Protein backbone atom coordinates (compact mmCIF):
# COMPACT_ATOMS: atom_id res chain seq x y z
CA MET A 1 46.30 -151.42 292.94
CA PRO A 2 46.09 -152.54 289.27
CA LEU A 3 49.26 -152.36 287.22
CA ASP A 4 49.58 -149.65 284.64
CA SER A 5 49.18 -151.47 281.30
CA THR A 6 51.48 -148.94 279.62
CA HIS A 7 54.35 -149.79 281.96
CA SER A 8 53.63 -153.53 281.93
CA ASP A 9 53.87 -153.59 278.12
CA GLN A 10 57.24 -151.83 278.03
CA PRO A 11 59.46 -154.96 278.32
CA GLN A 12 57.50 -156.68 275.56
CA ASN A 13 57.69 -153.59 273.34
CA LEU A 14 61.43 -153.26 273.94
CA GLN A 15 61.96 -156.93 273.10
CA LEU A 16 59.95 -156.55 269.89
CA ALA A 17 61.92 -153.43 268.91
CA TYR A 18 65.18 -155.26 269.64
CA GLN A 19 64.16 -158.21 267.45
CA ARG A 20 63.21 -155.90 264.62
CA LEU A 21 66.54 -154.09 264.92
CA LEU A 22 68.43 -157.40 264.76
CA ALA A 23 66.43 -158.47 261.71
CA LEU A 24 67.16 -155.14 259.99
CA GLU A 25 70.88 -155.41 260.73
CA ARG A 26 70.98 -158.97 259.34
CA PHE A 27 69.21 -157.76 256.23
CA LYS A 28 71.65 -154.87 255.77
CA SER A 29 74.59 -157.26 256.20
CA GLY A 30 73.11 -159.47 253.51
CA PHE A 31 72.50 -156.44 251.29
CA LEU A 32 76.17 -155.46 251.57
CA ALA A 33 77.32 -159.01 250.86
CA ARG A 34 75.05 -159.25 247.81
CA THR A 35 76.23 -155.94 246.36
CA SER A 36 79.84 -157.02 246.87
CA HIS A 37 79.09 -160.27 245.09
CA GLU A 38 77.35 -158.56 242.18
CA LEU A 39 80.27 -156.18 241.73
CA ARG A 40 82.39 -159.19 240.86
CA SER A 41 80.42 -159.79 237.66
CA PRO A 42 81.39 -156.58 235.80
CA ILE A 43 84.89 -156.65 237.32
CA ASN A 44 85.49 -160.20 236.09
CA THR A 45 84.11 -159.28 232.68
CA ILE A 46 86.58 -156.39 232.42
CA VAL A 47 89.49 -158.58 233.54
CA SER A 48 88.56 -161.39 231.13
CA LEU A 49 88.16 -159.06 228.15
CA HIS A 50 91.46 -157.33 228.85
CA GLN A 51 93.16 -160.69 229.21
CA LEU A 52 91.90 -161.74 225.77
CA ILE A 53 93.21 -158.50 224.27
CA LEU A 54 96.61 -158.61 226.03
CA GLU A 55 97.20 -162.23 225.02
CA ASP A 56 96.43 -161.43 221.34
CA LEU A 57 93.50 -163.83 221.29
CA CYS A 58 91.27 -161.52 219.27
CA GLU A 59 90.54 -162.45 215.68
CA GLY A 60 91.29 -158.96 214.48
CA PRO A 61 91.06 -155.22 215.18
CA GLU A 62 87.26 -155.27 214.91
CA GLU A 63 86.87 -157.91 217.62
CA GLU A 64 89.42 -156.12 219.79
CA LYS A 65 87.40 -152.92 219.42
CA GLU A 66 84.23 -154.86 220.29
CA PHE A 67 85.86 -156.21 223.47
CA ILE A 68 86.98 -152.72 224.48
CA GLY A 69 83.40 -151.52 224.05
CA GLN A 70 82.07 -154.37 226.18
CA SER A 71 84.67 -153.56 228.83
CA LYS A 72 83.51 -149.95 228.88
CA ASP A 73 79.88 -151.06 229.29
CA ALA A 74 80.87 -153.31 232.20
CA ALA A 75 82.73 -150.43 233.85
CA LEU A 76 79.70 -148.16 233.51
CA LYS A 77 77.46 -150.84 235.05
CA MET A 78 79.92 -151.16 237.92
CA LEU A 79 79.86 -147.41 238.50
CA ALA A 80 76.06 -147.48 238.51
CA LEU A 81 76.13 -150.15 241.19
CA PHE A 82 78.64 -148.14 243.23
CA ASP A 83 76.39 -145.09 242.94
CA GLN A 84 73.37 -147.05 244.16
CA ILE A 85 75.22 -148.48 247.15
CA ALA A 86 76.61 -145.06 248.06
CA ALA A 87 73.24 -143.36 247.75
CA VAL A 88 71.47 -145.88 249.99
CA SER A 89 74.25 -145.78 252.59
CA LYS A 90 74.28 -141.96 252.72
CA LEU A 91 70.52 -141.91 253.13
CA ASP A 92 70.71 -144.56 255.84
CA VAL A 93 73.35 -142.86 257.98
CA GLY A 94 71.88 -139.38 257.50
CA ARG A 95 74.75 -137.88 255.51
CA GLU A 96 72.28 -136.88 252.81
CA PRO A 97 68.92 -136.67 254.56
CA PRO A 98 65.83 -137.01 252.38
CA THR A 99 64.01 -133.92 251.22
CA LEU A 100 60.59 -134.64 252.70
CA GLU A 101 57.65 -132.75 251.29
CA ASN A 102 54.11 -133.26 250.04
CA VAL A 103 54.44 -134.96 246.64
CA ASP A 104 51.53 -134.99 244.18
CA LEU A 105 51.39 -138.45 242.60
CA SER A 106 49.49 -137.13 239.59
CA PHE A 107 52.74 -135.39 238.59
CA LEU A 108 55.19 -138.07 239.77
CA LEU A 109 53.63 -141.11 238.03
CA PRO A 110 53.94 -139.59 234.52
CA GLU A 111 57.63 -138.97 235.22
CA VAL A 112 58.07 -142.63 236.17
CA GLU A 113 56.19 -143.67 233.01
CA MET A 114 58.47 -141.51 230.86
CA LEU A 115 61.55 -143.23 232.35
CA THR A 116 60.23 -146.76 231.75
CA THR A 117 57.83 -146.83 228.81
CA LEU A 118 60.48 -147.21 226.09
CA GLN A 119 62.04 -150.26 227.75
CA ALA A 120 58.60 -151.84 228.11
CA ALA A 121 57.86 -151.23 224.43
CA ASN A 122 61.20 -152.75 223.40
CA GLN A 123 60.36 -155.89 225.39
CA ASN A 124 56.79 -156.07 224.01
CA VAL A 125 55.33 -155.65 227.51
CA ARG A 126 51.74 -154.40 227.78
CA TYR A 127 52.26 -151.43 230.07
CA THR A 128 49.55 -149.17 231.46
CA VAL A 129 49.60 -146.30 233.95
CA ASP A 130 46.44 -145.40 235.84
CA TYR A 131 46.66 -141.76 236.81
CA PRO A 132 44.84 -140.66 239.98
CA THR A 133 41.45 -139.11 239.20
CA GLU A 134 41.93 -136.71 242.11
CA GLU A 135 44.91 -135.19 243.86
CA ILE A 136 46.80 -137.71 245.99
CA GLU A 137 49.72 -136.39 248.00
CA VAL A 138 52.28 -138.37 249.98
CA TYR A 139 54.82 -136.99 252.40
CA THR A 140 58.12 -138.31 251.07
CA ASP A 141 61.22 -137.57 248.99
CA ALA A 142 60.07 -137.19 245.38
CA THR A 143 63.41 -138.03 243.76
CA TRP A 144 63.93 -141.18 245.80
CA LEU A 145 60.38 -142.42 245.25
CA LYS A 146 60.61 -141.79 241.51
CA ASN A 147 63.93 -143.64 241.25
CA ILE A 148 62.69 -146.57 243.35
CA LEU A 149 59.57 -147.00 241.23
CA ALA A 150 61.51 -146.71 237.96
CA SER A 151 64.12 -149.25 239.14
CA LEU A 152 61.45 -151.74 240.22
CA ILE A 153 59.64 -151.45 236.88
CA GLN A 154 62.84 -151.76 234.85
CA ALA A 155 63.80 -154.88 236.82
CA ILE A 156 60.41 -156.52 236.28
CA ILE A 157 59.99 -155.70 232.58
CA PRO A 158 62.20 -158.57 231.27
CA GLN A 159 60.25 -161.04 233.43
CA THR A 160 56.63 -160.15 232.62
CA LYS A 161 54.21 -159.65 229.74
CA PHE A 162 51.87 -157.33 231.60
CA LEU A 163 52.66 -154.37 233.81
CA SER A 164 50.65 -151.57 235.35
CA LEU A 165 51.37 -148.65 237.64
CA GLY A 166 48.79 -146.88 239.75
CA ALA A 167 47.95 -145.34 243.11
CA ASN A 168 45.03 -145.48 245.49
CA GLN A 169 44.13 -143.84 248.79
CA THR A 170 42.26 -145.05 251.86
CA GLU A 171 41.67 -143.43 255.22
CA GLN A 172 44.73 -145.19 256.62
CA SER A 173 47.23 -145.22 253.77
CA ILE A 174 48.27 -144.26 250.27
CA THR A 175 49.68 -147.04 248.11
CA VAL A 176 51.59 -146.85 244.84
CA THR A 177 51.25 -150.26 243.19
CA ILE A 178 53.18 -151.98 240.41
CA GLU A 179 51.21 -154.96 239.11
CA CYS A 180 52.83 -157.72 237.05
CA ASP A 181 52.18 -161.34 236.10
CA ARG A 182 55.25 -162.72 237.87
CA PRO A 183 54.37 -164.88 240.93
CA ALA A 184 54.79 -163.11 244.25
CA LYS A 185 56.45 -166.17 245.77
CA GLY A 186 59.35 -165.96 243.33
CA LEU A 187 59.88 -162.25 243.91
CA GLN A 188 59.71 -162.68 247.67
CA SER A 189 62.28 -165.49 247.53
CA GLU A 190 64.67 -163.20 245.63
CA LEU A 191 64.25 -160.53 248.30
CA ASP A 192 64.65 -163.06 251.11
CA ALA A 193 67.83 -164.38 249.49
CA ILE A 194 69.50 -161.04 250.20
CA SER A 195 69.34 -161.81 253.92
CA GLU A 196 71.20 -165.06 253.26
CA ALA A 197 73.83 -163.43 251.05
CA THR A 198 76.42 -163.52 253.83
CA GLN A 199 76.84 -167.20 252.92
CA ILE A 200 78.07 -166.38 249.41
CA ASP A 201 81.48 -167.81 248.64
CA PRO A 202 83.39 -165.25 246.54
CA LYS A 203 85.38 -168.09 244.97
CA THR A 204 82.24 -169.23 243.14
CA THR A 205 82.54 -166.36 240.66
CA GLU A 206 84.19 -167.37 237.41
CA THR A 207 87.44 -165.59 236.55
CA ASP A 208 88.95 -167.89 233.94
CA SER A 209 89.04 -166.22 230.54
CA THR A 210 88.05 -169.52 228.93
CA LYS A 211 84.64 -169.36 230.65
CA PRO A 212 81.70 -167.64 228.92
CA LEU A 213 81.64 -163.91 229.48
CA ASN A 214 78.64 -162.34 231.17
CA ARG A 215 77.49 -159.84 228.55
CA ASP A 216 74.18 -158.99 230.17
CA ILE A 217 75.51 -157.20 233.23
CA ARG A 218 72.73 -155.61 235.27
CA LEU A 219 71.63 -155.33 238.85
CA SER A 220 69.74 -158.40 239.99
CA THR A 221 66.04 -158.19 240.71
CA GLY A 222 66.73 -159.24 244.30
CA LEU A 223 69.12 -156.35 244.85
CA ILE A 224 66.67 -153.82 243.42
CA LEU A 225 63.89 -155.22 245.62
CA ALA A 226 66.27 -154.98 248.58
CA THR A 227 67.05 -151.34 247.77
CA ALA A 228 63.34 -150.55 247.91
CA HIS A 229 63.03 -152.50 251.17
CA VAL A 230 65.89 -150.53 252.78
CA ALA A 231 65.23 -147.09 251.33
CA LEU A 232 61.45 -146.73 251.58
CA PRO A 233 61.33 -146.60 255.42
CA LEU A 234 63.89 -143.80 255.26
CA ILE A 235 61.48 -141.73 253.13
CA LYS A 236 58.47 -142.47 255.38
CA GLY A 237 57.14 -145.47 253.45
CA GLU A 238 57.30 -149.24 253.45
CA PHE A 239 57.73 -151.88 250.76
CA ALA A 240 55.62 -155.01 250.37
CA ILE A 241 55.18 -157.84 247.87
CA THR A 242 51.69 -159.32 247.81
CA ALA A 243 50.07 -162.00 245.66
CA LYS A 244 47.13 -161.24 243.39
CA PRO A 245 44.10 -162.97 244.91
CA SER A 246 42.34 -164.22 241.78
CA GLU A 247 45.15 -165.13 239.40
CA GLU A 248 48.87 -165.68 239.14
CA GLY A 249 50.78 -162.47 239.57
CA SER A 250 51.88 -159.99 242.18
CA TYR A 251 51.71 -156.43 243.46
CA LEU A 252 54.84 -154.49 244.39
CA GLN A 253 53.54 -151.88 246.79
CA CYS A 254 55.05 -148.70 248.20
CA ARG A 255 52.83 -147.68 251.12
CA PHE A 256 52.69 -144.37 252.95
CA PRO A 257 50.56 -143.06 255.84
CA ALA A 258 47.55 -141.06 254.72
CA THR A 259 48.53 -138.20 257.03
CA THR A 260 50.96 -135.43 256.14
CA ALA A 261 53.54 -133.72 258.31
C-alpha cells in the first residue's frame, strides 16, 4: 500500500517550522539587544550634559540653557524608543491585538505622504507618491501599516536623493513599495545585523563627558527595518528588501495576500 504523502511530509514540515521558530526567536533576541544598546545613546547624552552643568563647565547661562534643551530632546527620543518597543511587544504577545479590517490604500497612502513629505522637502529629496488608479484593499491594521510605512520612509530620507511610494496588485498578492536609490545590500546588512546584536558589548558606549556628545539621536535604520520585519507578520503581511534589477537602488516592500478575510 503506498504511503500517504500528507503523513510522510509531516516530519519534514515540523522540522521546517521548528527551524523557522528558532530563527524568529534569535531575531527577536537580537532586536531586544539592539534596542537596549540604542537606549544607551540618549541616556549617555543626558548624563554627559548634566555632568557638564553640575561641574560648572558651561561658558554661561545661555550654554547651560542650550544643554538643558538638548537633554530634554534626548529624553523625548528615549521615550519614543520605549514606546516603539512596548508597542511591538504588546502586539507580539497579544496584549493589544491588531484591529484587522479591509483597508483602502487609496486613502492610507495620502496619510503616509502627509506624515513624511515635509521631511523629504527639508532634505531636498525628490519624493513622489503613485496613488492606485483603482480601489486596492488589504486586510490589515491600518494604524500599524501607516506607522510602519512612515517610519521606513523617514529612516530612508537622509540616505537617498530619490524616493517613491506606491502600491500594486496581482492575483496572488498586494504590495506596498517604497523605492529609493540606496543599495539593497546595505539595507539588508543593517537588518541582518540586528540578529547579531546579542554580541554587542555595552561597555563600548562612550560615557566620558570629555567625549563628543551625540546630538543627532534617532532610531537606527536597522532597528526601524527590524520593527517592520517583526510587526508586519502580526498584521497579516511580510517585509522584504529587494534590489532594483536595472540600476542601483532598492525596494522596501510590504506584501499582503490578495484575499480578504
